[in-house]
């Protein structure tokens, strides 16, 4: 679970276009082993959704700040779909309280396909699964129009002078 590189997806689809591969054939999704794989999926045959946001305004609880495509301080994120019918998804602050749409936070999930604990790992289970049954995925993201966007992993965020920097920004 990490942000999808839109430029890489664009390049891949452009190079394969001569073979007849439709652009709507690729499905950016969100999943993890603890959810028996799938958490979110886009609608079939839908176009990708992306948002350009100010990379310095992605702290937990902070409202998203859209910027123009290609903006110097911008970063582009790709939507990974809506939660499957049996999955509850919530974006939460550091205390696991729900955040409103359009705010960066921790991705929490719950449902019949989501683990209720780790085998013989009582402490890890207590750290990862709240009293309400929501699994703390360790991922950071936000919701807009019920579509999930993944920003990165909480443990991977580099904080300099109070600003978050995600490793993928440096890698890309």
C-alpha atoms as a PDB file:
ATOM      1  CA  UNK A   1       0.000   0.000   0.000  1.00  0.00           C
ATOM      2  CA  UNK A   2       1.762   3.052  -1.264  1.00  0.00           C
ATOM      3  CA  UNK A   3       0.840   5.909  -3.555  1.00  0.00           C
ATOM      4  CA  UNK A   4       0.632   5.005  -7.222  1.00  0.00           C
ATOM      5  CA  UNK A   5       2.992   6.905  -9.506  1.00  0.00           C
ATOM      6  CA  UNK A   6       0.745   8.569 -12.072  1.00  0.00           C
ATOM      7  CA  UNK A   7       3.662   9.278 -14.464  1.00  0.00           C
ATOM      8  CA  UNK A   8       4.629   5.590 -14.468  1.00  0.00           C
ATOM      9  CA  UNK A   9       1.017   4.520 -15.080  1.00  0.00           C
ATOM     10  CA  UNK A  10       0.720   7.074 -17.903  1.00  0.00           C
ATOM     11  CA  UNK A  11       3.947   5.880 -19.509  1.00  0.00           C
ATOM     12  CA  UNK A  12       2.934   2.217 -19.228  1.00  0.00           C
ATOM     13  CA  UNK A  13      -0.486   2.787 -20.752  1.00  0.00           C
ATOM     14  CA  UNK A  14       0.901   5.017 -23.521  1.00  0.00           C
ATOM     15  CA  UNK A  15       3.506   2.428 -24.503  1.00  0.00           C
ATOM     16  CA  UNK A  16       0.914  -0.341 -24.583  1.00  0.00           C
ATOM     17  CA  UNK A  17      -1.769   1.670 -26.383  1.00  0.00           C
ATOM     18  CA  UNK A  18      -0.617   0.402 -29.822  1.00  0.00           C
ATOM     19  CA  UNK A  19      -1.472  -3.151 -28.668  1.00  0.00           C
ATOM     20  CA  UNK A  20      -5.106  -2.134 -28.111  1.00  0.00           C
ATOM     21  CA  UNK A  21      -4.931  -1.996 -24.312  1.00  0.00           C
ATOM     22  CA  UNK A  22      -7.715   0.319 -23.145  1.00  0.00           C
ATOM     23  CA  UNK A  23      -6.768   2.998 -20.617  1.00  0.00           C
ATOM     24  CA  UNK A  24      -9.664   1.843 -18.447  1.00  0.00           C
ATOM     25  CA  UNK A  25      -8.119  -1.645 -18.212  1.00  0.00           C
ATOM     26  CA  UNK A  26      -5.886  -0.626 -15.319  1.00  0.00           C
ATOM     27  CA  UNK A  27      -7.503  -0.537 -11.875  1.00  0.00           C
ATOM     28  CA  UNK A  28      -5.648   1.351  -9.181  1.00  0.00           C
ATOM     29  CA  UNK A  29      -6.826  -0.349  -5.970  1.00  0.00           C
ATOM     30  CA  UNK A  30      -6.022  -0.521  -2.258  1.00  0.00           C
ATOM     31  CA  UNK A  31      -5.497  -3.755  -0.423  1.00  0.00           C
ATOM     32  CA  UNK A  32      -3.473  -5.456   2.247  1.00  0.00           C
ATOM     33  CA  UNK A  33      -2.992  -8.977   3.560  1.00  0.00           C
ATOM     34  CA  UNK A  34      -4.887  -8.174   6.772  1.00  0.00           C
ATOM     35  CA  UNK A  35      -8.001  -7.524   4.690  1.00  0.00           C
ATOM     36  CA  UNK A  36      -7.724 -10.771   2.716  1.00  0.00           C
ATOM     37  CA  UNK A  37      -6.402  -8.489   0.007  1.00  0.00           C
ATOM     38  CA  UNK A  38      -9.035  -6.059  -1.300  1.00  0.00           C
ATOM     39  CA  UNK A  39     -10.287  -2.934   0.489  1.00  0.00           C
ATOM     40  CA  UNK A  40     -11.169  -0.498  -2.314  1.00  0.00           C
ATOM     41  CA  UNK A  41     -11.827  -0.750  -6.053  1.00  0.00           C
ATOM     42  CA  UNK A  42     -12.789   1.857  -8.655  1.00  0.00           C
ATOM     43  CA  UNK A  43     -15.916   1.484 -10.757  1.00  0.00           C
ATOM     44  CA  UNK A  44     -15.391  -0.764 -13.802  1.00  0.00           C
ATOM     45  CA  UNK A  45     -14.362   1.079 -16.976  1.00  0.00           C
ATOM     46  CA  UNK A  46     -13.921   4.361 -15.105  1.00  0.00           C
ATOM     47  CA  UNK A  47     -11.189   6.873 -15.865  1.00  0.00           C
ATOM     48  CA  UNK A  48      -8.481   7.420 -13.277  1.00  0.00           C
ATOM     49  CA  UNK A  49      -8.976  10.178 -10.752  1.00  0.00           C
ATOM     50  CA  UNK A  50      -6.016  12.205  -9.554  1.00  0.00           C
ATOM     51  CA  UNK A  51      -5.587  15.227  -7.325  1.00  0.00           C
ATOM     52  CA  UNK A  52      -2.704  17.657  -7.079  1.00  0.00           C
ATOM     53  CA  UNK A  53      -2.144  18.801  -3.486  1.00  0.00           C
ATOM     54  CA  UNK A  54       0.300  21.004  -1.620  1.00  0.00           C
ATOM     55  CA  UNK A  55       2.873  18.522  -0.302  1.00  0.00           C
ATOM     56  CA  UNK A  56       3.426  20.709   2.772  1.00  0.00           C
ATOM     57  CA  UNK A  57      -0.245  20.487   3.840  1.00  0.00           C
ATOM     58  CA  UNK A  58      -0.555  16.723   4.314  1.00  0.00           C
ATOM     59  CA  UNK A  59      -0.164  16.498   8.092  1.00  0.00           C
ATOM     60  CA  UNK A  60      -2.635  14.303   9.985  1.00  0.00           C
ATOM     61  CA  UNK A  61      -5.860  16.239  10.545  1.00  0.00           C
ATOM     62  CA  UNK A  62      -4.972  19.008   8.123  1.00  0.00           C
ATOM     63  CA  UNK A  63      -7.381  20.053   5.383  1.00  0.00           C
ATOM     64  CA  UNK A  64      -6.222  19.268   1.861  1.00  0.00           C
ATOM     65  CA  UNK A  65      -4.921  22.197  -0.159  1.00  0.00           C
ATOM     66  CA  UNK A  66      -5.361  21.650  -3.916  1.00  0.00           C
ATOM     67  CA  UNK A  67      -2.780  23.179  -6.265  1.00  0.00           C
ATOM     68  CA  UNK A  68      -2.489  23.425 -10.034  1.00  0.00           C
ATOM     69  CA  UNK A  69      -1.077  20.423 -11.891  1.00  0.00           C
ATOM     70  CA  UNK A  70       2.701  20.617 -11.995  1.00  0.00           C
ATOM     71  CA  UNK A  71       2.895  23.198  -9.173  1.00  0.00           C
ATOM     72  CA  UNK A  72       6.366  23.397  -7.593  1.00  0.00           C
ATOM     73  CA  UNK A  73       5.041  22.374  -4.162  1.00  0.00           C
ATOM     74  CA  UNK A  74       2.465  19.986  -5.590  1.00  0.00           C
ATOM     75  CA  UNK A  75       2.257  16.238  -5.516  1.00  0.00           C
ATOM     76  CA  UNK A  76      -0.193  14.169  -7.531  1.00  0.00           C
ATOM     77  CA  UNK A  77      -2.163  11.344  -5.932  1.00  0.00           C
ATOM     78  CA  UNK A  78      -4.272   8.732  -7.705  1.00  0.00           C
ATOM     79  CA  UNK A  79      -7.591   7.541  -6.307  1.00  0.00           C
ATOM     80  CA  UNK A  80      -7.702   3.843  -5.457  1.00  0.00           C
ATOM     81  CA  UNK A  81     -11.480   3.479  -5.514  1.00  0.00           C
ATOM     82  CA  UNK A  82     -14.314   3.167  -3.037  1.00  0.00           C
ATOM     83  CA  UNK A  83     -14.562   0.678  -0.165  1.00  0.00           C
ATOM     84  CA  UNK A  84     -16.021  -2.686  -1.074  1.00  0.00           C
ATOM     85  CA  UNK A  85     -19.573  -3.321   0.170  1.00  0.00           C
ATOM     86  CA  UNK A  86     -18.482  -5.275   3.236  1.00  0.00           C
ATOM     87  CA  UNK A  87     -15.654  -2.921   4.267  1.00  0.00           C
ATOM     88  CA  UNK A  88     -15.963   0.060   6.581  1.00  0.00           C
ATOM     89  CA  UNK A  89     -13.217   2.612   6.014  1.00  0.00           C
ATOM     90  CA  UNK A  90     -12.479   5.629   8.138  1.00  0.00           C
ATOM     91  CA  UNK A  91      -9.834   8.335   8.084  1.00  0.00           C
ATOM     92  CA  UNK A  92      -8.817   9.172  11.644  1.00  0.00           C
ATOM     93  CA  UNK A  93      -6.643  11.528  13.639  1.00  0.00           C
ATOM     94  CA  UNK A  94      -3.812  10.412  15.935  1.00  0.00           C
ATOM     95  CA  UNK A  95      -6.371   9.476  18.632  1.00  0.00           C
ATOM     96  CA  UNK A  96      -8.374   7.352  16.130  1.00  0.00           C
ATOM     97  CA  UNK A  97     -11.237   9.880  16.078  1.00  0.00           C
ATOM     98  CA  UNK A  98     -12.910  10.165  12.658  1.00  0.00           C
ATOM     99  CA  UNK A  99     -11.897  13.080  10.445  1.00  0.00           C
ATOM    100  CA  UNK A 100     -14.145  14.675   7.886  1.00  0.00           C
ATOM    101  CA  UNK A 101     -13.758  14.209   4.174  1.00  0.00           C
ATOM    102  CA  UNK A 102     -10.860  16.121   2.649  1.00  0.00           C
ATOM    103  CA  UNK A 103      -8.465  15.733   5.603  1.00  0.00           C
ATOM    104  CA  UNK A 104      -5.321  13.629   5.751  1.00  0.00           C
ATOM    105  CA  UNK A 105      -5.333  10.920   8.392  1.00  0.00           C
ATOM    106  CA  UNK A 106      -4.752   7.317   9.343  1.00  0.00           C
ATOM    107  CA  UNK A 107      -6.561   4.715   7.236  1.00  0.00           C
ATOM    108  CA  UNK A 108      -8.631   2.407   9.471  1.00  0.00           C
ATOM    109  CA  UNK A 109     -10.692  -0.524   8.173  1.00  0.00           C
ATOM    110  CA  UNK A 110     -13.190  -3.009   9.549  1.00  0.00           C
ATOM    111  CA  UNK A 111     -15.228  -5.818   8.005  1.00  0.00           C
ATOM    112  CA  UNK A 112     -15.764  -9.556   7.823  1.00  0.00           C
ATOM    113  CA  UNK A 113     -12.678 -10.072   5.634  1.00  0.00           C
ATOM    114  CA  UNK A 114     -10.429  -7.965   7.912  1.00  0.00           C
ATOM    115  CA  UNK A 115      -8.325  -9.772  10.493  1.00  0.00           C
ATOM    116  CA  UNK A 116      -9.387  -9.678  14.130  1.00  0.00           C
ATOM    117  CA  UNK A 117      -5.858 -10.348  15.359  1.00  0.00           C
ATOM    118  CA  UNK A 118      -2.414 -11.751  14.733  1.00  0.00           C
ATOM    119  CA  UNK A 119      -1.691 -15.387  15.538  1.00  0.00           C
ATOM    120  CA  UNK A 120       0.010 -15.660  18.932  1.00  0.00           C
ATOM    121  CA  UNK A 121       0.814 -11.917  18.815  1.00  0.00           C
ATOM    122  CA  UNK A 122      -1.358 -10.489  21.616  1.00  0.00           C
ATOM    123  CA  UNK A 123       0.581  -7.213  21.966  1.00  0.00           C
ATOM    124  CA  UNK A 124       0.673  -6.547  18.229  1.00  0.00           C
ATOM    125  CA  UNK A 125      -3.070  -7.220  18.079  1.00  0.00           C
ATOM    126  CA  UNK A 126      -3.718  -4.722  20.906  1.00  0.00           C
ATOM    127  CA  UNK A 127      -1.562  -2.082  19.185  1.00  0.00           C
ATOM    128  CA  UNK A 128      -3.140  -2.593  15.775  1.00  0.00           C
ATOM    129  CA  UNK A 129      -6.825  -3.280  16.381  1.00  0.00           C
ATOM    130  CA  UNK A 130      -8.926  -0.792  18.333  1.00  0.00           C
ATOM    131  CA  UNK A 131     -11.657  -1.645  20.826  1.00  0.00           C
ATOM    132  CA  UNK A 132     -14.162  -0.856  18.064  1.00  0.00           C
ATOM    133  CA  UNK A 133     -12.625  -3.521  15.803  1.00  0.00           C
ATOM    134  CA  UNK A 134     -11.028  -1.101  13.324  1.00  0.00           C
ATOM    135  CA  UNK A 135      -7.617  -2.203  12.047  1.00  0.00           C
ATOM    136  CA  UNK A 136      -4.962   0.519  12.024  1.00  0.00           C
ATOM    137  CA  UNK A 137      -3.380  -0.106   8.634  1.00  0.00           C
ATOM    138  CA  UNK A 138      -0.370   2.154   9.180  1.00  0.00           C
ATOM    139  CA  UNK A 139      -1.223   3.978   5.964  1.00  0.00           C
ATOM    140  CA  UNK A 140      -2.029   7.659   5.624  1.00  0.00           C
ATOM    141  CA  UNK A 141      -4.672   8.830   3.214  1.00  0.00           C
ATOM    142  CA  UNK A 142      -7.759  10.919   2.627  1.00  0.00           C
ATOM    143  CA  UNK A 143     -11.228  10.605   1.156  1.00  0.00           C
ATOM    144  CA  UNK A 144     -12.897  12.824  -1.425  1.00  0.00           C
ATOM    145  CA  UNK A 145     -16.280  11.900  -2.897  1.00  0.00           C
ATOM    146  CA  UNK A 146     -15.918   8.519  -1.140  1.00  0.00           C
ATOM    147  CA  UNK A 147     -12.742   7.745  -3.110  1.00  0.00           C
ATOM    148  CA  UNK A 148      -9.642   6.808  -1.143  1.00  0.00           C
ATOM    149  CA  UNK A 149      -6.232   8.298  -1.888  1.00  0.00           C
ATOM    150  CA  UNK A 150      -3.098   6.919  -0.196  1.00  0.00           C
ATOM    151  CA  UNK A 151      -0.380   9.428   0.794  1.00  0.00           C
ATOM    152  CA  UNK A 152       2.115   6.997   2.317  1.00  0.00           C
ATOM    153  CA  UNK A 153       2.966   5.056   5.471  1.00  0.00           C
ATOM    154  CA  UNK A 154       2.987   6.801   8.846  1.00  0.00           C
ATOM    155  CA  UNK A 155       6.210   5.120   9.958  1.00  0.00           C
ATOM    156  CA  UNK A 156       7.958   6.205   6.742  1.00  0.00           C
ATOM    157  CA  UNK A 157       7.153   9.935   7.001  1.00  0.00           C
ATOM    158  CA  UNK A 158      10.178  12.186   7.446  1.00  0.00           C
ATOM    159  CA  UNK A 159       9.376  15.295   9.492  1.00  0.00           C
ATOM    160  CA  UNK A 160      11.583  18.360   9.015  1.00  0.00           C
ATOM    161  CA  UNK A 161      10.684  21.669  10.680  1.00  0.00           C
ATOM    162  CA  UNK A 162       7.150  20.389  11.289  1.00  0.00           C
ATOM    163  CA  UNK A 163       6.532  19.455   7.657  1.00  0.00           C
ATOM    164  CA  UNK A 164       5.903  15.936   6.369  1.00  0.00           C
ATOM    165  CA  UNK A 165       8.025  14.515   3.583  1.00  0.00           C
ATOM    166  CA  UNK A 166       7.145  11.146   2.102  1.00  0.00           C
ATOM    167  CA  UNK A 167       9.891   8.791   0.884  1.00  0.00           C
ATOM    168  CA  UNK A 168       8.246   8.387  -2.524  1.00  0.00           C
ATOM    169  CA  UNK A 169       8.719  12.124  -3.121  1.00  0.00           C
ATOM    170  CA  UNK A 170      12.463  11.596  -2.803  1.00  0.00           C
ATOM    171  CA  UNK A 171      12.389   8.357  -4.830  1.00  0.00           C
ATOM    172  CA  UNK A 172      10.387   9.894  -7.699  1.00  0.00           C
END
